[in-house]
Amino acid sequence: MAQFGEILAELRQDRGLTQRELAKLFFVTPGTISNYEKGRHLPDAERLIKIADYFSVTTDYLLGRSSANLPADVFSAPLLDEMTAGEMIQLVQALSPDRKKALHLLLRDLHFGTVVGQYNHKEAK
């Protein structure tokens, strides 16, 4: 499982941020971010929580204790059947390009599975 520094670097790069830009967001020096990413130092608990909140991940994921890169609020998020179409569109529009691609692949696979299931059902008759 990846370590904090590797995970932080990946999250930072996914957002298209430099170490300097990330440092400004958290009021630290670029050297501090570099030390985090190289595994030389860990942030204190308060800063760790702020970093996790910024990237919308859990602290467990950030520390490499969980491989699930789920948004921190995933378990309190409304279910799709409780959302309006407009809310769903906003949710999709807010996704990163990588998550949009993953959603596209998931939907494509779900559709393919439905088509194959219908075909198999017709063949069985």
C-alpha atoms as a PDB file:
ATOM      1  CA  MET A   1       0.000   0.000   0.000  1.00  0.00           C
ATOM      2  CA  ALA A   2       1.224   3.487  -0.826  1.00  0.00           C
ATOM      3  CA  GLN A   3       2.633   5.808   1.797  1.00  0.00           C
ATOM      4  CA  PHE A   4       1.412   9.304   2.698  1.00  0.00           C
ATOM      5  CA  GLY A   5       4.008  11.102   0.564  1.00  0.00           C
ATOM      6  CA  GLU A   6       3.206   9.124  -2.572  1.00  0.00           C
ATOM      7  CA  ILE A   7      -0.517   9.608  -2.059  1.00  0.00           C
ATOM      8  CA  LEU A   8      -0.140  13.345  -1.445  1.00  0.00           C
ATOM      9  CA  ALA A   9       1.970  13.744  -4.590  1.00  0.00           C
ATOM     10  CA  GLU A  10      -0.592  11.825  -6.659  1.00  0.00           C
ATOM     11  CA  LEU A  11      -3.516  13.858  -5.324  1.00  0.00           C
ATOM     12  CA  ARG A  12      -1.618  17.108  -5.881  1.00  0.00           C
ATOM     13  CA  GLN A  13      -0.707  16.150  -9.448  1.00  0.00           C
ATOM     14  CA  ASP A  14      -4.277  15.009 -10.183  1.00  0.00           C
ATOM     15  CA  ARG A  15      -5.406  18.526  -9.276  1.00  0.00           C
ATOM     16  CA  GLY A  16      -2.696  20.023 -11.480  1.00  0.00           C
ATOM     17  CA  LEU A  17      -1.020  21.781  -8.555  1.00  0.00           C
ATOM     18  CA  THR A  18       2.661  22.449  -8.046  1.00  0.00           C
ATOM     19  CA  GLN A  19       4.270  21.931  -4.659  1.00  0.00           C
ATOM     20  CA  ARG A  20       4.469  25.721  -4.352  1.00  0.00           C
ATOM     21  CA  GLU A  21       0.735  26.140  -5.020  1.00  0.00           C
ATOM     22  CA  LEU A  22      -0.181  23.441  -2.510  1.00  0.00           C
ATOM     23  CA  ALA A  23       2.150  24.998   0.050  1.00  0.00           C
ATOM     24  CA  LYS A  24       0.364  28.354  -0.307  1.00  0.00           C
ATOM     25  CA  LEU A  25      -2.998  26.695   0.303  1.00  0.00           C
ATOM     26  CA  PHE A  26      -1.793  25.284   3.628  1.00  0.00           C
ATOM     27  CA  PHE A  27       0.436  28.196   4.675  1.00  0.00           C
ATOM     28  CA  VAL A  28       3.627  26.133   4.640  1.00  0.00           C
ATOM     29  CA  THR A  29       6.794  26.319   2.583  1.00  0.00           C
ATOM     30  CA  PRO A  30       7.267  24.389  -0.660  1.00  0.00           C
ATOM     31  CA  GLY A  31      10.066  22.572   1.186  1.00  0.00           C
ATOM     32  CA  THR A  32       7.539  21.272   3.703  1.00  0.00           C
ATOM     33  CA  ILE A  33       5.413  19.815   0.906  1.00  0.00           C
ATOM     34  CA  SER A  34       8.542  18.328  -0.647  1.00  0.00           C
ATOM     35  CA  ASN A  35       9.470  16.740   2.688  1.00  0.00           C
ATOM     36  CA  TYR A  36       5.957  15.290   3.017  1.00  0.00           C
ATOM     37  CA  GLU A  37       6.093  13.829  -0.480  1.00  0.00           C
ATOM     38  CA  LYS A  38       9.577  12.374   0.046  1.00  0.00           C
ATOM     39  CA  GLY A  39       8.464  10.732   3.284  1.00  0.00           C
ATOM     40  CA  ARG A  40      10.800  12.767   5.481  1.00  0.00           C
ATOM     41  CA  HIS A  41       8.033  14.302   7.598  1.00  0.00           C
ATOM     42  CA  LEU A  42       4.344  13.875   8.323  1.00  0.00           C
ATOM     43  CA  PRO A  43       1.934  16.732   8.979  1.00  0.00           C
ATOM     44  CA  ASP A  44       0.440  17.155  12.432  1.00  0.00           C
ATOM     45  CA  ALA A  45      -3.098  15.850  12.966  1.00  0.00           C
ATOM     46  CA  GLU A  46      -4.763  19.209  12.356  1.00  0.00           C
ATOM     47  CA  ARG A  47      -3.003  19.769   9.036  1.00  0.00           C
ATOM     48  CA  LEU A  48      -3.580  16.139   8.009  1.00  0.00           C
ATOM     49  CA  ILE A  49      -7.323  16.644   8.448  1.00  0.00           C
ATOM     50  CA  LYS A  50      -7.208  19.874   6.433  1.00  0.00           C
ATOM     51  CA  ILE A  51      -5.319  18.128   3.618  1.00  0.00           C
ATOM     52  CA  ALA A  52      -7.817  15.245   3.607  1.00  0.00           C
ATOM     53  CA  ASP A  53     -10.721  17.701   3.534  1.00  0.00           C
ATOM     54  CA  TYR A  54      -9.152  19.679   0.691  1.00  0.00           C
ATOM     55  CA  PHE A  55      -8.745  16.562  -1.462  1.00  0.00           C
ATOM     56  CA  SER A  56     -12.106  15.093  -0.308  1.00  0.00           C
ATOM     57  CA  VAL A  57     -10.558  11.858   0.914  1.00  0.00           C
ATOM     58  CA  THR A  58     -10.435  10.190   4.306  1.00  0.00           C
ATOM     59  CA  THR A  59      -7.418  10.523   6.559  1.00  0.00           C
ATOM     60  CA  ASP A  60      -7.121   6.722   6.429  1.00  0.00           C
ATOM     61  CA  TYR A  61      -6.728   6.888   2.652  1.00  0.00           C
ATOM     62  CA  LEU A  62      -4.250   9.748   2.919  1.00  0.00           C
ATOM     63  CA  LEU A  63      -2.150   7.775   5.419  1.00  0.00           C
ATOM     64  CA  GLY A  64      -2.202   4.651   3.257  1.00  0.00           C
ATOM     65  CA  ARG A  65      -4.367   2.731   5.730  1.00  0.00           C
ATOM     66  CA  SER A  66      -7.182   2.274   3.219  1.00  0.00           C
ATOM     67  CA  SER A  67      -6.932   1.660  -0.493  1.00  0.00           C
ATOM     68  CA  ALA A  68     -10.406   3.055  -1.116  1.00  0.00           C
ATOM     69  CA  ASN A  69     -10.127   6.555  -2.537  1.00  0.00           C
ATOM     70  CA  LEU A  70     -13.636   7.526  -1.556  1.00  0.00           C
ATOM     71  CA  PRO A  71     -14.761  11.030  -0.763  1.00  0.00           C
ATOM     72  CA  ALA A  72     -14.770  11.563   2.989  1.00  0.00           C
ATOM     73  CA  ASP A  73     -18.522  12.206   2.987  1.00  0.00           C
ATOM     74  CA  VAL A  74     -19.473   9.236   0.798  1.00  0.00           C
ATOM     75  CA  PHE A  75     -21.345   7.465   3.579  1.00  0.00           C
ATOM     76  CA  SER A  76     -23.443  10.523   4.425  1.00  0.00           C
ATOM     77  CA  ALA A  77     -24.112  11.467   0.788  1.00  0.00           C
ATOM     78  CA  PRO A  78     -27.708  11.215  -0.445  1.00  0.00           C
ATOM     79  CA  LEU A  79     -28.611   8.133  -2.433  1.00  0.00           C
ATOM     80  CA  LEU A  80     -29.142   8.644  -6.147  1.00  0.00           C
ATOM     81  CA  ASP A  81     -32.860   7.952  -5.848  1.00  0.00           C
ATOM     82  CA  GLU A  82     -33.082  10.834  -3.354  1.00  0.00           C
ATOM     83  CA  MET A  83     -31.423  13.309  -5.764  1.00  0.00           C
ATOM     84  CA  THR A  84     -32.998  15.394  -8.497  1.00  0.00           C
ATOM     85  CA  ALA A  85     -31.681  15.155 -12.050  1.00  0.00           C
ATOM     86  CA  GLY A  86     -30.160  18.624 -11.634  1.00  0.00           C
ATOM     87  CA  GLU A  87     -28.296  17.544  -8.494  1.00  0.00           C
ATOM     88  CA  MET A  88     -26.962  14.487 -10.325  1.00  0.00           C
ATOM     89  CA  ILE A  89     -25.736  16.656 -13.199  1.00  0.00           C
ATOM     90  CA  GLN A  90     -23.986  19.010 -10.762  1.00  0.00           C
ATOM     91  CA  LEU A  91     -22.379  16.024  -9.060  1.00  0.00           C
ATOM     92  CA  VAL A  92     -21.025  14.680 -12.360  1.00  0.00           C
ATOM     93  CA  GLN A  93     -19.848  18.116 -13.511  1.00  0.00           C
ATOM     94  CA  ALA A  94     -17.849  18.532 -10.288  1.00  0.00           C
ATOM     95  CA  LEU A  95     -15.901  15.298 -10.851  1.00  0.00           C
ATOM     96  CA  SER A  96     -12.247  15.379 -11.825  1.00  0.00           C
ATOM     97  CA  PRO A  97     -11.464  14.245 -15.398  1.00  0.00           C
ATOM     98  CA  ASP A  98     -10.181  10.895 -14.089  1.00  0.00           C
ATOM     99  CA  ARG A  99     -13.361  10.279 -12.098  1.00  0.00           C
ATOM    100  CA  LYS A 100     -15.507  11.279 -15.096  1.00  0.00           C
ATOM    101  CA  LYS A 101     -13.659   8.700 -17.187  1.00  0.00           C
ATOM    102  CA  ALA A 102     -14.132   6.060 -14.478  1.00  0.00           C
ATOM    103  CA  LEU A 103     -17.861   6.859 -14.311  1.00  0.00           C
ATOM    104  CA  HIS A 104     -18.122   6.610 -18.103  1.00  0.00           C
ATOM    105  CA  LEU A 105     -16.443   3.190 -18.057  1.00  0.00           C
ATOM    106  CA  LEU A 106     -18.671   2.002 -15.223  1.00  0.00           C
ATOM    107  CA  LEU A 107     -21.831   3.111 -17.015  1.00  0.00           C
ATOM    108  CA  ARG A 108     -20.652   1.531 -20.259  1.00  0.00           C
ATOM    109  CA  ASP A 109     -19.986  -1.760 -18.472  1.00  0.00           C
ATOM    110  CA  LEU A 110     -23.363  -1.643 -16.718  1.00  0.00           C
ATOM    111  CA  HIS A 111     -25.097  -1.042 -20.054  1.00  0.00           C
ATOM    112  CA  PHE A 112     -23.121  -3.860 -21.685  1.00  0.00           C
ATOM    113  CA  GLY A 113     -24.083  -6.213 -18.853  1.00  0.00           C
ATOM    114  CA  THR A 114     -27.747  -5.305 -19.288  1.00  0.00           C
ATOM    115  CA  VAL A 115     -27.620  -5.911 -23.042  1.00  0.00           C
ATOM    116  CA  VAL A 116     -25.862  -9.273 -22.594  1.00  0.00           C
ATOM    117  CA  GLY A 117     -28.357 -10.260 -19.894  1.00  0.00           C
ATOM    118  CA  GLN A 118     -31.298  -9.457 -22.179  1.00  0.00           C
ATOM    119  CA  TYR A 119     -29.696 -11.406 -25.027  1.00  0.00           C
ATOM    120  CA  ASN A 120     -29.051 -14.432 -22.798  1.00  0.00           C
ATOM    121  CA  HIS A 121     -32.627 -14.289 -21.512  1.00  0.00           C
ATOM    122  CA  LYS A 122     -34.009 -14.323 -25.090  1.00  0.00           C
ATOM    123  CA  GLU A 123     -31.712 -17.224 -26.044  1.00  0.00           C
ATOM    124  CA  ALA A 124     -32.902 -19.281 -23.065  1.00  0.00           C
ATOM    125  CA  LYS A 125     -36.555 -19.133 -24.222  1.00  0.00           C
END
